[in-house]
Amino acid sequence: MGDNEQMKKVDLVKDKANISRTTVDYMKIVEKENLRRVQELRKIRQRNVRTGLILGGGVLGIYLYTIFSVRQEKVLG
């Protein structure tokens, strides 16, 4: 296939005569596996967001603590 070519979309109702039962069963297995993979990726994404927020909060806390500590020091002069 070339760069711009795509496979034809399969319509199970129209193309039922051309599709074997084995192919339909395989398509269902692939669909279930894709659904499981998407759910797993959503969980990973949620964990990554939580981790990022926790790390960002830690960095912000350290930054604010440092600014607060430096502001309290008296400079001789």
N, C-alpha and C. Protein backbone atom coordinates (compact mmCIF):
# COMPACT_ATOMS: atom_id res chain seq x y z
N MET A 1 0.83 -1.19 0.00
CA MET A 1 0.00 0.00 0.00
C MET A 1 0.87 1.25 0.00
N GLY A 2 0.42 2.27 -0.67
CA GLY A 2 1.14 3.54 -0.70
C GLY A 2 0.87 4.35 0.55
N ASP A 3 1.41 5.55 0.59
CA ASP A 3 1.26 6.42 1.75
C ASP A 3 -0.18 6.85 1.97
N ASN A 4 -0.91 7.12 0.90
CA ASN A 4 -2.26 7.66 1.03
C ASN A 4 -3.35 6.59 0.96
N GLU A 5 -2.98 5.36 0.72
CA GLU A 5 -3.97 4.30 0.59
C GLU A 5 -4.36 3.77 1.96
N GLN A 6 -5.64 3.47 2.11
CA GLN A 6 -6.14 2.87 3.34
C GLN A 6 -6.95 1.64 2.97
N MET A 7 -7.03 0.72 3.92
CA MET A 7 -7.85 -0.46 3.68
C MET A 7 -9.31 -0.07 3.73
N LYS A 8 -10.14 -0.81 3.01
CA LYS A 8 -11.57 -0.54 3.02
C LYS A 8 -12.12 -0.86 4.40
N LYS A 9 -13.09 -0.07 4.82
CA LYS A 9 -13.76 -0.33 6.08
C LYS A 9 -14.74 -1.49 5.86
N VAL A 10 -14.77 -2.41 6.81
CA VAL A 10 -15.62 -3.58 6.67
C VAL A 10 -16.94 -3.32 7.37
N ASP A 11 -18.02 -3.55 6.65
CA ASP A 11 -19.36 -3.45 7.22
C ASP A 11 -19.87 -4.88 7.39
N LEU A 12 -20.03 -5.31 8.63
CA LEU A 12 -20.39 -6.70 8.89
C LEU A 12 -21.76 -7.06 8.34
N VAL A 13 -22.65 -6.09 8.21
CA VAL A 13 -23.99 -6.38 7.69
C VAL A 13 -23.94 -6.61 6.18
N LYS A 14 -23.27 -5.71 5.46
CA LYS A 14 -23.21 -5.83 4.00
C LYS A 14 -22.30 -6.98 3.56
N ASP A 15 -21.15 -7.10 4.22
CA ASP A 15 -20.13 -8.06 3.78
C ASP A 15 -20.22 -9.40 4.51
N LYS A 16 -21.37 -9.71 5.08
CA LYS A 16 -21.51 -10.93 5.87
C LYS A 16 -21.21 -12.19 5.06
N ALA A 17 -21.59 -12.20 3.80
CA ALA A 17 -21.36 -13.37 2.96
C ALA A 17 -19.88 -13.60 2.68
N ASN A 18 -19.09 -12.54 2.67
CA ASN A 18 -17.67 -12.64 2.35
C ASN A 18 -16.79 -12.89 3.57
N ILE A 19 -17.35 -12.79 4.76
CA ILE A 19 -16.56 -12.92 5.98
C ILE A 19 -16.88 -14.25 6.66
N SER A 20 -15.83 -15.00 6.94
CA SER A 20 -16.04 -16.30 7.58
C SER A 20 -16.29 -16.13 9.09
N ARG A 21 -16.86 -17.13 9.68
CA ARG A 21 -17.16 -17.12 11.13
C ARG A 21 -15.86 -17.00 11.93
N THR A 22 -14.82 -17.64 11.45
CA THR A 22 -13.52 -17.58 12.13
C THR A 22 -13.00 -16.14 12.17
N THR A 23 -13.15 -15.45 11.06
CA THR A 23 -12.70 -14.06 10.99
C THR A 23 -13.49 -13.18 11.95
N VAL A 24 -14.79 -13.38 12.03
CA VAL A 24 -15.62 -12.60 12.94
C VAL A 24 -15.22 -12.88 14.39
N ASP A 25 -14.97 -14.15 14.71
CA ASP A 25 -14.53 -14.51 16.07
C ASP A 25 -13.19 -13.86 16.39
N TYR A 26 -12.28 -13.86 15.43
CA TYR A 26 -10.98 -13.23 15.64
C TYR A 26 -11.13 -11.72 15.84
N MET A 27 -12.01 -11.10 15.08
CA MET A 27 -12.25 -9.66 15.22
C MET A 27 -12.78 -9.35 16.62
N LYS A 28 -13.63 -10.20 17.17
CA LYS A 28 -14.16 -10.00 18.53
C LYS A 28 -13.06 -10.13 19.57
N ILE A 29 -12.16 -11.09 19.37
CA ILE A 29 -11.03 -11.28 20.30
C ILE A 29 -10.14 -10.04 20.27
N VAL A 30 -9.85 -9.55 19.08
CA VAL A 30 -9.00 -8.36 18.94
C VAL A 30 -9.68 -7.15 19.58
N GLU A 31 -10.99 -7.02 19.39
CA GLU A 31 -11.73 -5.91 19.98
C GLU A 31 -11.68 -5.95 21.50
N LYS A 32 -11.85 -7.13 22.08
CA LYS A 32 -11.77 -7.28 23.54
C LYS A 32 -10.37 -6.94 24.05
N GLU A 33 -9.36 -7.39 23.33
CA GLU A 33 -7.97 -7.10 23.73
C GLU A 33 -7.69 -5.61 23.65
N ASN A 34 -8.19 -4.94 22.62
CA ASN A 34 -8.01 -3.49 22.51
C ASN A 34 -8.70 -2.76 23.66
N LEU A 35 -9.90 -3.20 24.02
CA LEU A 35 -10.62 -2.59 25.13
C LEU A 35 -9.85 -2.75 26.44
N ARG A 36 -9.31 -3.95 26.66
CA ARG A 36 -8.51 -4.19 27.87
C ARG A 36 -7.27 -3.29 27.89
N ARG A 37 -6.62 -3.17 26.73
CA ARG A 37 -5.42 -2.35 26.63
C ARG A 37 -5.73 -0.88 26.89
N VAL A 38 -6.84 -0.39 26.36
CA VAL A 38 -7.23 1.01 26.57
C VAL A 38 -7.51 1.26 28.05
N GLN A 39 -8.19 0.33 28.71
CA GLN A 39 -8.47 0.50 30.13
C GLN A 39 -7.19 0.52 30.95
N GLU A 40 -6.24 -0.33 30.58
CA GLU A 40 -4.95 -0.35 31.28
C GLU A 40 -4.20 0.97 31.06
N LEU A 41 -4.23 1.49 29.84
CA LEU A 41 -3.56 2.75 29.56
C LEU A 41 -4.21 3.91 30.32
N ARG A 42 -5.53 3.88 30.50
CA ARG A 42 -6.20 4.92 31.28
C ARG A 42 -5.73 4.90 32.72
N LYS A 43 -5.60 3.70 33.30
CA LYS A 43 -5.12 3.58 34.67
C LYS A 43 -3.70 4.12 34.80
N ILE A 44 -2.86 3.77 33.83
CA ILE A 44 -1.47 4.25 33.86
C ILE A 44 -1.43 5.76 33.74
N ARG A 45 -2.27 6.33 32.86
CA ARG A 45 -2.31 7.78 32.67
C ARG A 45 -2.74 8.47 33.97
N GLN A 46 -3.74 7.90 34.66
CA GLN A 46 -4.20 8.49 35.92
C GLN A 46 -3.09 8.46 36.96
N ARG A 47 -2.36 7.34 37.04
CA ARG A 47 -1.25 7.25 37.99
C ARG A 47 -0.15 8.25 37.64
N ASN A 48 0.11 8.42 36.35
CA ASN A 48 1.14 9.38 35.93
C ASN A 48 0.74 10.81 36.30
N VAL A 49 -0.54 11.14 36.13
CA VAL A 49 -1.00 12.48 36.49
C VAL A 49 -0.86 12.70 37.98
N ARG A 50 -1.27 11.71 38.79
CA ARG A 50 -1.13 11.83 40.25
C ARG A 50 0.33 12.01 40.65
N THR A 51 1.20 11.19 40.07
CA THR A 51 2.62 11.30 40.38
C THR A 51 3.16 12.67 40.00
N GLY A 52 2.77 13.18 38.84
CA GLY A 52 3.22 14.50 38.42
C GLY A 52 2.74 15.59 39.35
N LEU A 53 1.49 15.49 39.80
CA LEU A 53 0.97 16.49 40.73
C LEU A 53 1.70 16.44 42.06
N ILE A 54 1.97 15.24 42.55
CA ILE A 54 2.69 15.10 43.82
C ILE A 54 4.11 15.66 43.70
N LEU A 55 4.80 15.32 42.60
CA LEU A 55 6.15 15.84 42.41
C LEU A 55 6.14 17.36 42.24
N GLY A 56 5.19 17.86 41.46
CA GLY A 56 5.07 19.31 41.27
C GLY A 56 4.78 20.02 42.59
N GLY A 57 3.90 19.42 43.41
CA GLY A 57 3.61 20.00 44.72
C GLY A 57 4.84 20.01 45.62
N GLY A 58 5.63 18.94 45.56
CA GLY A 58 6.87 18.88 46.35
C GLY A 58 7.85 19.95 45.92
N VAL A 59 8.02 20.10 44.63
CA VAL A 59 8.93 21.13 44.10
C VAL A 59 8.45 22.52 44.49
N LEU A 60 7.15 22.77 44.34
CA LEU A 60 6.59 24.07 44.70
C LEU A 60 6.76 24.33 46.21
N GLY A 61 6.54 23.30 47.03
CA GLY A 61 6.72 23.44 48.47
C GLY A 61 8.16 23.78 48.84
N ILE A 62 9.11 23.10 48.23
CA ILE A 62 10.53 23.39 48.49
C ILE A 62 10.88 24.80 48.03
N TYR A 63 10.37 25.21 46.89
CA TYR A 63 10.62 26.55 46.38
C TYR A 63 10.06 27.61 47.33
N LEU A 64 8.82 27.42 47.74
CA LEU A 64 8.20 28.40 48.65
C LEU A 64 8.90 28.43 50.01
N TYR A 65 9.29 27.27 50.52
CA TYR A 65 10.02 27.21 51.78
C TYR A 65 11.35 27.97 51.66
N THR A 66 12.05 27.77 50.53
CA THR A 66 13.33 28.46 50.33
C THR A 66 13.14 29.96 50.26
N ILE A 67 12.15 30.42 49.52
CA ILE A 67 11.88 31.86 49.42
C ILE A 67 11.54 32.42 50.80
N PHE A 68 10.72 31.72 51.55
CA PHE A 68 10.33 32.17 52.89
C PHE A 68 11.54 32.23 53.82
N SER A 69 12.42 31.23 53.76
CA SER A 69 13.60 31.19 54.62
C SER A 69 14.57 32.30 54.28
N VAL A 70 14.80 32.57 53.01
CA VAL A 70 15.74 33.60 52.59
C VAL A 70 15.19 34.97 52.96
N ARG A 71 13.90 35.17 52.87
CA ARG A 71 13.30 36.45 53.18
C ARG A 71 13.48 36.80 54.66
N GLN A 72 13.53 35.81 55.54
CA GLN A 72 13.65 36.06 56.98
C GLN A 72 15.06 36.44 57.38
N GLU A 73 16.06 36.09 56.59
CA GLU A 73 17.44 36.39 56.96
C GLU A 73 17.70 37.89 56.88
N LYS A 74 18.44 38.40 57.83
CA LYS A 74 18.83 39.81 57.83
C LYS A 74 20.19 39.94 57.16
N VAL A 75 20.28 40.80 56.20
CA VAL A 75 21.53 41.01 55.51
C VAL A 75 22.27 42.14 56.21
N LEU A 76 23.55 41.91 56.54
CA LEU A 76 24.36 42.94 57.21
C LEU A 76 24.63 44.07 56.23
N GLY A 77 24.44 45.27 56.69
CA GLY A 77 24.79 46.32 55.76
C GLY A 77 24.17 47.56 56.11
